[in-house]
Amino acid sequence: MSERSFIVSIAVGVPGVGKSTVLSITKKLLQEKSLYAEVVNYGDFIFEELKDSGLISSRDDLRRLPLKIQFKHQSDAAKRIIDYATKVFDEKKQGVLFIDTHLWIKTRSGLWPGLPLHVAQILRPDLLILIEADPMDIINRIRRDKSRYREDYADPRFIEELQEMNRREALVVATLSGAAIKTVLNKEGRAEDAARDIVDAVMALIR
């Protein structure tokens, strides 16, 4: 654990893998152990800034922006997250910050790294949580979620390829940052099992 009063855990996975659900359950389970957890979405911090600038109107517009614009706002968003967490955990004294994000973002010009070196250096994660699922389970979740347009991810071969790329990128980020890696499988209807695996990893860092 770093010198900060809170653990930084970055949760990653392909769109539709169920990160939000798993992290919500994880937060509840940690609170039952009297450990405060805060969950933030990295994209939300970028989105609000870009929306206020009139550059986008929806979250999915992020992937269609020129890379240089996205790159510029990545560092600012990472700094805002750490500043926000520092204020929260100054009051709570100890806890876990979960950052919900993606290692790869599909854009018009190709796949773009969601956690490049300059961002990892700001966030300084203690734990990388790689959430995976069966590609067909992911596709079914994508199609059930009418609030987001993700049909460009609805190809099982592409999803499996992206999950393999996530594994490799997680190794790179962990090597550069010194973070531990925890891979969990989010089976259909078994999100709590995945959450309990994450809780075990977090508690091991604290002990």
N, C-alpha and C. Protein backbone atom coordinates (compact mmCIF):
# COMPACT_ATOMS: atom_id res chain seq x y z
N MET A 1 0.84 -1.21 0.00
CA MET A 1 0.00 0.00 0.00
C MET A 1 0.87 1.25 0.00
N SER A 2 0.48 2.28 -0.76
CA SER A 2 1.26 3.50 -0.87
C SER A 2 1.14 4.33 0.40
N GLU A 3 1.86 5.50 0.43
CA GLU A 3 1.81 6.36 1.60
C GLU A 3 0.47 7.06 1.76
N ARG A 4 -0.39 6.98 0.76
CA ARG A 4 -1.72 7.56 0.88
C ARG A 4 -2.53 6.78 1.91
N SER A 5 -3.54 7.41 2.45
CA SER A 5 -4.37 6.75 3.47
C SER A 5 -5.38 5.79 2.86
N PHE A 6 -5.43 5.74 1.55
CA PHE A 6 -6.40 4.86 0.89
C PHE A 6 -5.71 4.01 -0.17
N ILE A 7 -6.28 2.85 -0.41
CA ILE A 7 -5.80 1.96 -1.46
C ILE A 7 -6.43 2.37 -2.78
N VAL A 8 -5.63 2.43 -3.83
CA VAL A 8 -6.16 2.73 -5.16
C VAL A 8 -6.27 1.43 -5.94
N SER A 9 -7.49 1.06 -6.26
CA SER A 9 -7.76 -0.16 -7.03
C SER A 9 -8.40 0.24 -8.36
N ILE A 10 -7.78 -0.13 -9.45
CA ILE A 10 -8.33 0.19 -10.77
C ILE A 10 -8.98 -1.06 -11.34
N ALA A 11 -10.28 -0.98 -11.59
CA ALA A 11 -11.04 -2.11 -12.12
C ALA A 11 -11.24 -1.92 -13.61
N VAL A 12 -10.83 -2.92 -14.38
CA VAL A 12 -10.91 -2.82 -15.83
C VAL A 12 -11.61 -4.06 -16.41
N GLY A 13 -12.12 -3.89 -17.62
CA GLY A 13 -12.79 -4.98 -18.31
C GLY A 13 -13.46 -4.43 -19.55
N VAL A 14 -13.82 -5.30 -20.47
CA VAL A 14 -14.45 -4.85 -21.71
C VAL A 14 -15.84 -4.31 -21.42
N PRO A 15 -16.38 -3.43 -22.26
CA PRO A 15 -17.75 -2.95 -22.08
C PRO A 15 -18.73 -4.12 -22.01
N GLY A 16 -19.61 -4.09 -21.02
CA GLY A 16 -20.60 -5.14 -20.86
C GLY A 16 -20.17 -6.27 -19.95
N VAL A 17 -18.94 -6.20 -19.41
CA VAL A 17 -18.46 -7.28 -18.55
C VAL A 17 -19.13 -7.25 -17.18
N GLY A 18 -19.70 -6.11 -16.80
CA GLY A 18 -20.41 -6.02 -15.53
C GLY A 18 -19.62 -5.39 -14.41
N LYS A 19 -18.68 -4.51 -14.75
CA LYS A 19 -17.85 -3.87 -13.72
C LYS A 19 -18.67 -3.11 -12.69
N SER A 20 -19.63 -2.32 -13.16
CA SER A 20 -20.41 -1.48 -12.25
C SER A 20 -21.16 -2.32 -11.22
N THR A 21 -21.76 -3.41 -11.69
CA THR A 21 -22.50 -4.29 -10.79
C THR A 21 -21.58 -4.93 -9.76
N VAL A 22 -20.46 -5.46 -10.23
CA VAL A 22 -19.52 -6.13 -9.34
C VAL A 22 -18.95 -5.15 -8.31
N LEU A 23 -18.60 -3.95 -8.74
CA LEU A 23 -18.03 -2.97 -7.82
C LEU A 23 -19.05 -2.48 -6.80
N SER A 24 -20.30 -2.38 -7.21
CA SER A 24 -21.36 -1.98 -6.28
C SER A 24 -21.49 -3.00 -5.15
N ILE A 25 -21.45 -4.27 -5.50
CA ILE A 25 -21.54 -5.33 -4.50
C ILE A 25 -20.28 -5.35 -3.64
N THR A 26 -19.13 -5.14 -4.27
CA THR A 26 -17.87 -5.11 -3.54
C THR A 26 -17.88 -4.02 -2.48
N LYS A 27 -18.36 -2.85 -2.83
CA LYS A 27 -18.44 -1.74 -1.88
C LYS A 27 -19.30 -2.11 -0.68
N LYS A 28 -20.43 -2.74 -0.94
CA LYS A 28 -21.33 -3.15 0.15
C LYS A 28 -20.65 -4.17 1.06
N LEU A 29 -19.97 -5.15 0.47
CA LEU A 29 -19.31 -6.18 1.26
C LEU A 29 -18.18 -5.60 2.11
N LEU A 30 -17.45 -4.64 1.58
CA LEU A 30 -16.38 -4.00 2.35
C LEU A 30 -16.94 -3.18 3.50
N GLN A 31 -18.05 -2.51 3.25
CA GLN A 31 -18.67 -1.72 4.32
C GLN A 31 -19.16 -2.62 5.45
N GLU A 32 -19.55 -3.84 5.11
CA GLU A 32 -19.94 -4.81 6.14
C GLU A 32 -18.75 -5.19 7.01
N LYS A 33 -17.54 -5.00 6.47
CA LYS A 33 -16.31 -5.25 7.22
C LYS A 33 -15.77 -3.96 7.82
N SER A 34 -16.60 -2.91 7.82
CA SER A 34 -16.25 -1.60 8.39
C SER A 34 -15.10 -0.93 7.64
N LEU A 35 -15.01 -1.21 6.35
CA LEU A 35 -14.00 -0.55 5.52
C LEU A 35 -14.71 0.27 4.45
N TYR A 36 -14.50 1.58 4.49
CA TYR A 36 -15.19 2.46 3.54
C TYR A 36 -14.61 2.30 2.14
N ALA A 37 -15.49 2.29 1.15
CA ALA A 37 -15.06 2.20 -0.25
C ALA A 37 -15.76 3.27 -1.06
N GLU A 38 -15.03 3.88 -1.96
CA GLU A 38 -15.57 4.89 -2.87
C GLU A 38 -15.34 4.39 -4.29
N VAL A 39 -16.40 4.41 -5.11
CA VAL A 39 -16.30 3.98 -6.50
C VAL A 39 -16.48 5.18 -7.41
N VAL A 40 -15.51 5.42 -8.28
CA VAL A 40 -15.62 6.52 -9.25
C VAL A 40 -15.42 5.96 -10.65
N ASN A 41 -16.04 6.60 -11.60
CA ASN A 41 -15.90 6.21 -13.00
C ASN A 41 -14.98 7.21 -13.69
N TYR A 42 -13.87 6.72 -14.18
CA TYR A 42 -12.88 7.59 -14.82
C TYR A 42 -13.48 8.37 -15.98
N GLY A 43 -14.31 7.69 -16.77
CA GLY A 43 -14.94 8.34 -17.91
C GLY A 43 -15.85 9.49 -17.50
N ASP A 44 -16.47 9.39 -16.32
CA ASP A 44 -17.36 10.47 -15.86
C ASP A 44 -16.60 11.77 -15.66
N PHE A 45 -15.38 11.66 -15.13
CA PHE A 45 -14.58 12.86 -14.88
C PHE A 45 -14.17 13.52 -16.19
N ILE A 46 -13.83 12.69 -17.18
CA ILE A 46 -13.49 13.24 -18.50
C ILE A 46 -14.74 13.80 -19.17
N PHE A 47 -15.83 13.06 -19.08
CA PHE A 47 -17.07 13.44 -19.74
C PHE A 47 -17.58 14.81 -19.28
N GLU A 48 -17.60 15.04 -17.99
CA GLU A 48 -18.14 16.30 -17.47
C GLU A 48 -17.35 17.50 -17.98
N GLU A 49 -16.05 17.34 -18.03
CA GLU A 49 -15.21 18.44 -18.52
C GLU A 49 -15.46 18.71 -20.00
N LEU A 50 -15.53 17.64 -20.79
CA LEU A 50 -15.75 17.78 -22.23
C LEU A 50 -17.16 18.27 -22.54
N LYS A 51 -18.12 17.81 -21.75
CA LYS A 51 -19.50 18.24 -21.95
C LYS A 51 -19.64 19.73 -21.66
N ASP A 52 -19.02 20.18 -20.58
CA ASP A 52 -19.06 21.61 -20.25
C ASP A 52 -18.41 22.46 -21.34
N SER A 53 -17.46 21.85 -22.06
CA SER A 53 -16.80 22.57 -23.15
C SER A 53 -17.59 22.51 -24.45
N GLY A 54 -18.70 21.77 -24.44
CA GLY A 54 -19.53 21.65 -25.63
C GLY A 54 -18.99 20.71 -26.69
N LEU A 55 -18.03 19.87 -26.31
CA LEU A 55 -17.40 18.98 -27.29
C LEU A 55 -18.16 17.67 -27.49
N ILE A 56 -18.91 17.25 -26.47
CA ILE A 56 -19.67 16.00 -26.56
C ILE A 56 -21.01 16.16 -25.85
N SER A 57 -21.94 15.26 -26.16
CA SER A 57 -23.24 15.28 -25.50
C SER A 57 -23.57 13.96 -24.81
N SER A 58 -22.84 12.88 -25.14
CA SER A 58 -23.09 11.59 -24.50
C SER A 58 -21.76 10.89 -24.23
N ARG A 59 -21.78 9.91 -23.30
CA ARG A 59 -20.57 9.18 -22.95
C ARG A 59 -19.96 8.48 -24.17
N ASP A 60 -20.80 7.94 -25.03
CA ASP A 60 -20.29 7.19 -26.17
C ASP A 60 -19.62 8.09 -27.21
N ASP A 61 -19.87 9.41 -27.12
CA ASP A 61 -19.18 10.35 -28.02
C ASP A 61 -17.69 10.42 -27.72
N LEU A 62 -17.30 10.00 -26.51
CA LEU A 62 -15.89 10.04 -26.13
C LEU A 62 -15.02 9.28 -27.12
N ARG A 63 -15.51 8.13 -27.55
CA ARG A 63 -14.72 7.27 -28.44
C ARG A 63 -14.56 7.86 -29.83
N ARG A 64 -15.38 8.86 -30.15
CA ARG A 64 -15.35 9.43 -31.50
C ARG A 64 -14.57 10.75 -31.57
N LEU A 65 -14.10 11.22 -30.42
CA LEU A 65 -13.32 12.45 -30.40
C LEU A 65 -11.91 12.21 -30.93
N PRO A 66 -11.29 13.22 -31.53
CA PRO A 66 -9.88 13.09 -31.93
C PRO A 66 -9.02 12.70 -30.73
N LEU A 67 -8.05 11.84 -30.96
CA LEU A 67 -7.23 11.32 -29.87
C LEU A 67 -6.50 12.42 -29.11
N LYS A 68 -6.06 13.46 -29.80
CA LYS A 68 -5.30 14.51 -29.12
C LYS A 68 -6.17 15.23 -28.08
N ILE A 69 -7.48 15.32 -28.34
CA ILE A 69 -8.37 15.96 -27.38
C ILE A 69 -8.57 15.04 -26.17
N GLN A 70 -8.78 13.75 -26.43
CA GLN A 70 -8.93 12.80 -25.33
C GLN A 70 -7.66 12.75 -24.49
N PHE A 71 -6.51 12.71 -25.15
CA PHE A 71 -5.23 12.61 -24.46
C PHE A 71 -5.04 13.80 -23.52
N LYS A 72 -5.40 14.97 -23.98
CA LYS A 72 -5.23 16.19 -23.18
C LYS A 72 -6.01 16.12 -21.88
N HIS A 73 -7.19 15.53 -21.93
CA HIS A 73 -8.05 15.53 -20.75
C HIS A 73 -7.84 14.32 -19.84
N GLN A 74 -7.08 13.32 -20.28
CA GLN A 74 -6.84 12.15 -19.44
C GLN A 74 -6.10 12.50 -18.16
N SER A 75 -5.01 13.24 -18.28
CA SER A 75 -4.22 13.60 -17.10
C SER A 75 -5.02 14.46 -16.14
N ASP A 76 -5.77 15.42 -16.68
CA ASP A 76 -6.58 16.30 -15.84
C ASP A 76 -7.60 15.50 -15.05
N ALA A 77 -8.22 14.52 -15.71
CA ALA A 77 -9.22 13.70 -15.04
C ALA A 77 -8.58 12.86 -13.93
N ALA A 78 -7.40 12.31 -14.19
CA ALA A 78 -6.71 11.50 -13.19
C ALA A 78 -6.36 12.34 -11.96
N LYS A 79 -5.89 13.56 -12.18
CA LYS A 79 -5.55 14.44 -11.06
C LYS A 79 -6.80 14.80 -10.26
N ARG A 80 -7.90 15.04 -10.95
CA ARG A 80 -9.15 15.38 -10.27
C ARG A 80 -9.64 14.21 -9.42
N ILE A 81 -9.47 13.00 -9.92
CA ILE A 81 -9.88 11.82 -9.16
C ILE A 81 -9.09 11.71 -7.86
N ILE A 82 -7.77 11.85 -7.94
CA ILE A 82 -6.94 11.74 -6.75
C ILE A 82 -7.23 12.88 -5.77
N ASP A 83 -7.43 14.09 -6.28
CA ASP A 83 -7.78 15.22 -5.41
C ASP A 83 -9.10 14.95 -4.70
N TYR A 84 -10.07 14.45 -5.45
CA TYR A 84 -11.38 14.13 -4.87
C TYR A 84 -11.24 13.06 -3.79
N ALA A 85 -10.51 12.00 -4.09
CA ALA A 85 -10.35 10.90 -3.14
C ALA A 85 -9.61 11.34 -1.89
N THR A 86 -8.62 12.19 -2.06
CA THR A 86 -7.86 12.68 -0.91
C THR A 86 -8.77 13.41 0.06
N LYS A 87 -9.68 14.22 -0.46
CA LYS A 87 -10.63 14.93 0.41
C LYS A 87 -11.58 13.95 1.10
N VAL A 88 -12.07 12.98 0.35
CA VAL A 88 -12.99 11.99 0.92
C VAL A 88 -12.32 11.19 2.03
N PHE A 89 -11.11 10.70 1.77
CA PHE A 89 -10.46 9.82 2.74
C PHE A 89 -9.73 10.57 3.83
N ASP A 90 -9.57 11.87 3.72
CA ASP A 90 -9.09 12.66 4.84
C ASP A 90 -10.10 12.59 5.98
N GLU A 91 -11.37 12.47 5.62
CA GLU A 91 -12.43 12.37 6.62
C GLU A 91 -12.61 10.92 7.09
N LYS A 92 -12.46 9.97 6.16
CA LYS A 92 -12.68 8.56 6.49
C LYS A 92 -11.43 7.89 7.08
N LYS A 93 -10.28 8.54 6.92
CA LYS A 93 -8.99 8.07 7.44
C LYS A 93 -8.41 6.89 6.65
N GLN A 94 -9.21 5.87 6.36
CA GLN A 94 -8.69 4.74 5.61
C GLN A 94 -9.81 4.15 4.76
N GLY A 95 -9.43 3.55 3.64
CA GLY A 95 -10.45 2.93 2.80
C GLY A 95 -9.89 2.55 1.45
N VAL A 96 -10.81 2.31 0.53
CA VAL A 96 -10.42 1.84 -0.80
C VAL A 96 -11.10 2.71 -1.86
N LEU A 97 -10.30 3.20 -2.79
CA LEU A 97 -10.82 3.92 -3.94
C LEU A 97 -10.83 2.96 -5.12
N PHE A 98 -12.01 2.72 -5.69
CA PHE A 98 -12.14 1.91 -6.89
C PHE A 98 -12.34 2.84 -8.09
N ILE A 99 -11.51 2.70 -9.09
CA ILE A 99 -11.64 3.48 -10.32
C ILE A 99 -12.10 2.54 -11.42
N ASP A 100 -13.29 2.78 -11.91
CA ASP A 100 -13.90 1.97 -12.97
C ASP A 100 -13.49 2.55 -14.32
N THR A 101 -12.75 1.77 -15.11
CA THR A 101 -12.29 2.29 -16.39
C THR A 101 -12.03 1.16 -17.38
N HIS A 102 -11.43 1.49 -18.52
CA HIS A 102 -11.10 0.51 -19.55
C HIS A 102 -9.62 0.61 -19.90
N LEU A 103 -9.00 -0.52 -20.20
CA LEU A 103 -7.61 -0.51 -20.63
C LEU A 103 -7.49 -0.16 -22.11
N TRP A 104 -8.53 -0.48 -22.89
CA TRP A 104 -8.52 -0.18 -24.31
C TRP A 104 -9.85 0.44 -24.71
N ILE A 105 -9.78 1.47 -25.54
CA ILE A 105 -10.97 2.17 -25.99
C ILE A 105 -11.02 2.09 -27.51
N LYS A 106 -12.13 1.63 -28.05
CA LYS A 106 -12.27 1.50 -29.49
C LYS A 106 -12.61 2.86 -30.09
N THR A 107 -11.79 3.34 -31.02
CA THR A 107 -12.00 4.63 -31.68
C THR A 107 -11.99 4.43 -33.19
N ARG A 108 -12.28 5.50 -33.91
CA ARG A 108 -12.30 5.42 -35.37
C ARG A 108 -10.92 5.11 -35.94
N SER A 109 -9.88 5.47 -35.23
CA SER A 109 -8.52 5.25 -35.73
C SER A 109 -7.87 4.00 -35.14
N GLY A 110 -8.64 3.23 -34.38
CA GLY A 110 -8.10 2.01 -33.79
C GLY A 110 -8.26 1.98 -32.28
N LEU A 111 -7.69 0.97 -31.65
CA LEU A 111 -7.77 0.85 -30.20
C LEU A 111 -6.78 1.82 -29.55
N TRP A 112 -7.25 2.48 -28.52
CA TRP A 112 -6.47 3.52 -27.85
C TRP A 112 -6.31 3.15 -26.38
N PRO A 113 -5.11 3.24 -25.79
CA PRO A 113 -4.91 2.85 -24.39
C PRO A 113 -5.65 3.76 -23.42
N GLY A 114 -6.42 3.16 -22.55
CA GLY A 114 -7.17 3.93 -21.56
C GLY A 114 -6.38 4.23 -20.31
N LEU A 115 -5.27 3.53 -20.12
CA LEU A 115 -4.45 3.75 -18.93
C LEU A 115 -2.97 3.84 -19.32
N PRO A 116 -2.62 4.85 -20.11
CA PRO A 116 -1.22 5.01 -20.53
C PRO A 116 -0.32 5.40 -19.36
N LEU A 117 0.97 5.40 -19.60
CA LEU A 117 1.95 5.62 -18.53
C LEU A 117 1.71 6.91 -17.77
N HIS A 118 1.43 8.01 -18.49
CA HIS A 118 1.28 9.29 -17.79
C HIS A 118 0.08 9.30 -16.85
N VAL A 119 -0.93 8.50 -17.14
CA VAL A 119 -2.09 8.39 -16.25
C VAL A 119 -1.78 7.46 -15.08
N ALA A 120 -1.14 6.33 -15.36
CA ALA A 120 -0.78 5.39 -14.30
C ALA A 120 0.14 6.04 -13.27
N GLN A 121 1.01 6.94 -13.73
CA GLN A 121 1.94 7.62 -12.82
C GLN A 121 1.20 8.56 -11.88
N ILE A 122 0.09 9.09 -12.32
CA ILE A 122 -0.71 9.97 -11.46
C ILE A 122 -1.55 9.15 -10.48
N LEU A 123 -2.18 8.11 -10.98
CA LEU A 123 -3.08 7.30 -10.14
C LEU A 123 -2.31 6.40 -9.17
N ARG A 124 -1.14 5.92 -9.57
CA ARG A 124 -0.30 5.04 -8.74
C ARG A 124 -1.12 3.93 -8.08
N PRO A 125 -1.67 3.03 -8.88
CA PRO A 125 -2.54 1.99 -8.32
C PRO A 125 -1.79 0.99 -7.44
N ASP A 126 -2.49 0.51 -6.41
CA ASP A 126 -1.98 -0.58 -5.58
C ASP A 126 -2.47 -1.93 -6.10
N LEU A 127 -3.62 -1.90 -6.78
CA LEU A 127 -4.24 -3.14 -7.24
C LEU A 127 -4.92 -2.91 -8.58
N LEU A 128 -4.67 -3.82 -9.52
CA LEU A 128 -5.39 -3.82 -10.80
C LEU A 128 -6.35 -5.00 -10.78
N ILE A 129 -7.62 -4.73 -10.95
CA ILE A 129 -8.64 -5.77 -10.94
C ILE A 129 -9.11 -6.00 -12.37
N LEU A 130 -8.82 -7.16 -12.88
CA LEU A 130 -9.19 -7.51 -14.25
C LEU A 130 -10.46 -8.35 -14.21
N ILE A 131 -11.58 -7.74 -14.58
CA ILE A 131 -12.87 -8.43 -14.55
C ILE A 131 -13.15 -9.00 -15.94
N GLU A 132 -13.38 -10.31 -15.99
CA GLU A 132 -13.62 -10.98 -17.26
C GLU A 132 -14.95 -11.74 -17.21
N ALA A 133 -15.42 -12.13 -18.38
CA ALA A 133 -16.65 -12.92 -18.48
C ALA A 133 -16.64 -13.67 -19.80
N ASP A 134 -17.51 -14.65 -19.91
CA ASP A 134 -17.66 -15.36 -21.18
C ASP A 134 -18.14 -14.38 -22.24
N PRO A 135 -17.53 -14.38 -23.43
CA PRO A 135 -17.92 -13.43 -24.48
C PRO A 135 -19.41 -13.39 -24.78
N MET A 136 -20.08 -14.55 -24.79
CA MET A 136 -21.51 -14.56 -25.08
C MET A 136 -22.32 -13.93 -23.94
N ASP A 137 -21.86 -14.10 -22.71
CA ASP A 137 -22.52 -13.43 -21.58
C ASP A 137 -22.40 -11.92 -21.75
N ILE A 138 -21.23 -11.46 -22.18
CA ILE A 138 -21.01 -10.03 -22.38
C ILE A 138 -21.92 -9.49 -23.47
N ILE A 139 -22.02 -10.21 -24.58
CA ILE A 139 -22.88 -9.78 -25.68
C ILE A 139 -24.34 -9.70 -25.24
N ASN A 140 -24.79 -10.67 -24.48
CA ASN A 140 -26.18 -10.65 -23.99
C ASN A 140 -26.42 -9.46 -23.07
N ARG A 141 -25.44 -9.11 -22.23
CA ARG A 141 -25.59 -7.95 -21.35
C ARG A 141 -25.63 -6.66 -22.16
N ILE A 142 -24.79 -6.59 -23.19
CA ILE A 142 -24.77 -5.40 -24.04
C ILE A 142 -26.13 -5.19 -24.69
N ARG A 143 -26.72 -6.26 -25.17
CA ARG A 143 -27.99 -6.14 -25.87
C ARG A 143 -29.15 -5.84 -24.93
N ARG A 144 -29.00 -6.20 -23.66
CA ARG A 144 -30.05 -5.88 -22.68
C ARG A 144 -29.97 -4.42 -22.23
N ASP A 145 -28.80 -3.82 -22.35
CA ASP A 145 -28.60 -2.44 -21.90
C ASP A 145 -28.98 -1.47 -23.01
N LYS A 146 -30.21 -1.01 -22.99
CA LYS A 146 -30.70 -0.11 -24.04
C LYS A 146 -30.23 1.33 -23.84
N SER A 147 -29.61 1.61 -22.69
CA SER A 147 -29.19 2.99 -22.40
C SER A 147 -27.87 3.36 -23.07
N ARG A 148 -27.13 2.36 -23.56
CA ARG A 148 -25.83 2.61 -24.18
C ARG A 148 -25.77 1.94 -25.54
N TYR A 149 -25.11 2.60 -26.50
CA TYR A 149 -24.90 1.99 -27.81
C TYR A 149 -23.55 1.31 -27.81
N ARG A 150 -23.55 -0.03 -27.84
CA ARG A 150 -22.30 -0.79 -27.79
C ARG A 150 -22.29 -1.93 -28.81
N GLU A 151 -23.12 -1.85 -29.82
CA GLU A 151 -23.21 -2.95 -30.78
C GLU A 151 -21.89 -3.20 -31.51
N ASP A 152 -21.01 -2.18 -31.54
CA ASP A 152 -19.72 -2.40 -32.19
C ASP A 152 -18.82 -3.32 -31.37
N TYR A 153 -19.27 -3.68 -30.16
CA TYR A 153 -18.53 -4.64 -29.34
C TYR A 153 -19.18 -6.03 -29.37
N ALA A 154 -20.28 -6.17 -30.09
CA ALA A 154 -21.06 -7.41 -30.04
C ALA A 154 -20.54 -8.49 -30.98
N ASP A 155 -19.25 -8.78 -30.90
CA ASP A 155 -18.62 -9.83 -31.69
C ASP A 155 -17.78 -10.67 -30.73
N PRO A 156 -18.13 -11.95 -30.53
CA PRO A 156 -17.41 -12.76 -29.54
C PRO A 156 -15.92 -12.88 -29.80
N ARG A 157 -15.52 -12.92 -31.06
CA ARG A 157 -14.09 -13.02 -31.37
C ARG A 157 -13.36 -11.74 -30.97
N PHE A 158 -13.99 -10.59 -31.24
CA PHE A 158 -13.37 -9.32 -30.86
C PHE A 158 -13.29 -9.20 -29.35
N ILE A 159 -14.34 -9.63 -28.64
CA ILE A 159 -14.34 -9.55 -27.18
C ILE A 159 -13.22 -10.41 -26.59
N GLU A 160 -13.06 -11.62 -27.10
CA GLU A 160 -12.01 -12.49 -26.58
C GLU A 160 -10.63 -11.91 -26.88
N GLU A 161 -10.48 -11.34 -28.06
CA GLU A 161 -9.21 -10.69 -28.41
C GLU A 161 -8.93 -9.52 -27.48
N LEU A 162 -9.97 -8.73 -27.19
CA LEU A 162 -9.81 -7.58 -26.31
C LEU A 162 -9.49 -8.01 -24.88
N GLN A 163 -10.10 -9.10 -24.43
CA GLN A 163 -9.80 -9.58 -23.08
C GLN A 163 -8.35 -10.06 -22.99
N GLU A 164 -7.86 -10.67 -24.05
CA GLU A 164 -6.45 -11.08 -24.06
C GLU A 164 -5.54 -9.85 -24.07
N MET A 165 -5.90 -8.83 -24.82
CA MET A 165 -5.12 -7.59 -24.82
C MET A 165 -5.14 -6.94 -23.44
N ASN A 166 -6.27 -7.02 -22.74
CA ASN A 166 -6.36 -6.50 -21.39
C ASN A 166 -5.37 -7.20 -20.46
N ARG A 167 -5.27 -8.51 -20.59
CA ARG A 167 -4.36 -9.27 -19.73
C ARG A 167 -2.92 -8.81 -19.94
N ARG A 168 -2.56 -8.62 -21.20
CA ARG A 168 -1.19 -8.21 -21.51
C ARG A 168 -0.92 -6.78 -21.05
N GLU A 169 -1.89 -5.90 -21.27
CA GLU A 169 -1.71 -4.50 -20.85
C GLU A 169 -1.67 -4.38 -19.34
N ALA A 170 -2.45 -5.20 -18.64
CA ALA A 170 -2.44 -5.18 -17.18
C ALA A 170 -1.05 -5.55 -16.66
N LEU A 171 -0.40 -6.49 -17.30
CA LEU A 171 0.96 -6.87 -16.90
C LEU A 171 1.92 -5.70 -17.07
N VAL A 172 1.76 -4.96 -18.15
CA VAL A 172 2.63 -3.80 -18.40
C VAL A 172 2.41 -2.73 -17.34
N VAL A 173 1.14 -2.39 -17.09
CA VAL A 173 0.82 -1.36 -16.11
C VAL A 173 1.30 -1.77 -14.72
N ALA A 174 1.09 -3.04 -14.37
CA ALA A 174 1.51 -3.53 -13.06
C ALA A 174 3.03 -3.47 -12.90
N THR A 175 3.74 -3.82 -13.95
CA THR A 175 5.20 -3.79 -13.91
C THR A 175 5.72 -2.37 -13.71
N LEU A 176 5.09 -1.41 -14.39
CA LEU A 176 5.53 -0.02 -14.31
C LEU A 176 5.11 0.66 -13.01
N SER A 177 3.99 0.22 -12.44
CA SER A 177 3.45 0.90 -11.24
C SER A 177 3.70 0.13 -9.95
N GLY A 178 4.04 -1.16 -10.06
CA GLY A 178 4.23 -1.97 -8.86
C GLY A 178 2.93 -2.48 -8.27
N ALA A 179 1.85 -2.41 -9.03
CA ALA A 179 0.55 -2.86 -8.54
C ALA A 179 0.42 -4.37 -8.64
N ALA A 180 -0.40 -4.92 -7.76
CA ALA A 180 -0.77 -6.34 -7.85
C ALA A 180 -1.88 -6.48 -8.88
N ILE A 181 -2.02 -7.68 -9.44
CA ILE A 181 -3.10 -7.95 -10.40
C ILE A 181 -4.01 -9.03 -9.83
N LYS A 182 -5.30 -8.79 -9.87
CA LYS A 182 -6.29 -9.79 -9.47
C LYS A 182 -7.27 -9.96 -10.62
N THR A 183 -7.37 -11.19 -11.14
CA THR A 183 -8.33 -11.49 -12.21
C THR A 183 -9.53 -12.19 -11.61
N VAL A 184 -10.73 -11.69 -11.91
CA VAL A 184 -11.95 -12.32 -11.40
C VAL A 184 -12.88 -12.60 -12.57
N LEU A 185 -13.64 -13.68 -12.46
CA LEU A 185 -14.58 -14.08 -13.50
C LEU A 185 -15.99 -13.73 -13.05
N ASN A 186 -16.66 -12.90 -13.83
CA ASN A 186 -18.03 -12.50 -13.52
C ASN A 186 -19.00 -13.37 -14.32
N LYS A 187 -19.32 -14.54 -13.76
CA LYS A 187 -20.24 -15.45 -14.42
C LYS A 187 -21.66 -14.90 -14.35
N GLU A 188 -22.47 -15.27 -15.31
CA GLU A 188 -23.86 -14.80 -15.35
C GLU A 188 -24.58 -15.18 -14.06
N GLY A 189 -25.14 -14.17 -13.38
CA GLY A 189 -25.87 -14.41 -12.14
C GLY A 189 -24.99 -14.66 -10.93
N ARG A 190 -23.67 -14.50 -11.08
CA ARG A 190 -22.75 -14.80 -9.97
C ARG A 190 -21.86 -13.60 -9.66
N ALA A 191 -22.40 -12.40 -9.79
CA ALA A 191 -21.60 -11.19 -9.56
C ALA A 191 -21.06 -11.12 -8.13
N GLU A 192 -21.82 -11.64 -7.18
CA GLU A 192 -21.36 -11.58 -5.79
C GLU A 192 -20.10 -12.43 -5.59
N ASP A 193 -19.99 -13.53 -6.31
CA ASP A 193 -18.78 -14.35 -6.21
C ASP A 193 -17.56 -13.56 -6.67
N ALA A 194 -17.72 -12.83 -7.77
CA ALA A 194 -16.62 -11.99 -8.27
C ALA A 194 -16.28 -10.91 -7.25
N ALA A 195 -17.31 -10.32 -6.66
CA ALA A 195 -17.10 -9.26 -5.67
C ALA A 195 -16.35 -9.80 -4.45
N ARG A 196 -16.69 -10.99 -4.02
CA ARG A 196 -16.00 -11.58 -2.85
C ARG A 196 -14.53 -11.85 -3.15
N ASP A 197 -14.22 -12.22 -4.38
CA ASP A 197 -12.82 -12.40 -4.76
C ASP A 197 -12.06 -11.08 -4.66
N ILE A 198 -12.71 -10.00 -5.06
CA ILE A 198 -12.08 -8.68 -4.97
C ILE A 198 -11.87 -8.28 -3.52
N VAL A 199 -12.87 -8.52 -2.70
CA VAL A 199 -12.77 -8.20 -1.27
C VAL A 199 -11.58 -8.92 -0.65
N ASP A 200 -11.42 -10.20 -0.97
CA ASP A 200 -10.29 -10.97 -0.44
C ASP A 200 -8.95 -10.33 -0.83
N ALA A 201 -8.85 -9.89 -2.08
CA ALA A 201 -7.61 -9.26 -2.55
C ALA A 201 -7.34 -7.95 -1.83
N VAL A 202 -8.38 -7.15 -1.64
CA VAL A 202 -8.24 -5.87 -0.95
C VAL A 202 -7.83 -6.08 0.50
N MET A 203 -8.49 -7.00 1.18
CA MET A 203 -8.18 -7.24 2.59
C MET A 203 -6.75 -7.75 2.76
N ALA A 204 -6.27 -8.51 1.78
CA ALA A 204 -4.89 -9.01 1.85
C ALA A 204 -3.88 -7.86 1.76
N LEU A 205 -4.23 -6.79 1.05
CA LEU A 205 -3.35 -5.62 0.97
C LEU A 205 -3.31 -4.85 2.28
N ILE A 206 -4.39 -4.90 3.01
CA ILE A 206 -4.49 -4.12 4.25
C ILE A 206 -3.82 -4.83 5.41
N ARG A 207 -3.94 -6.13 5.43
CA ARG A 207 -3.40 -6.90 6.57
C ARG A 207 -1.88 -6.78 6.65
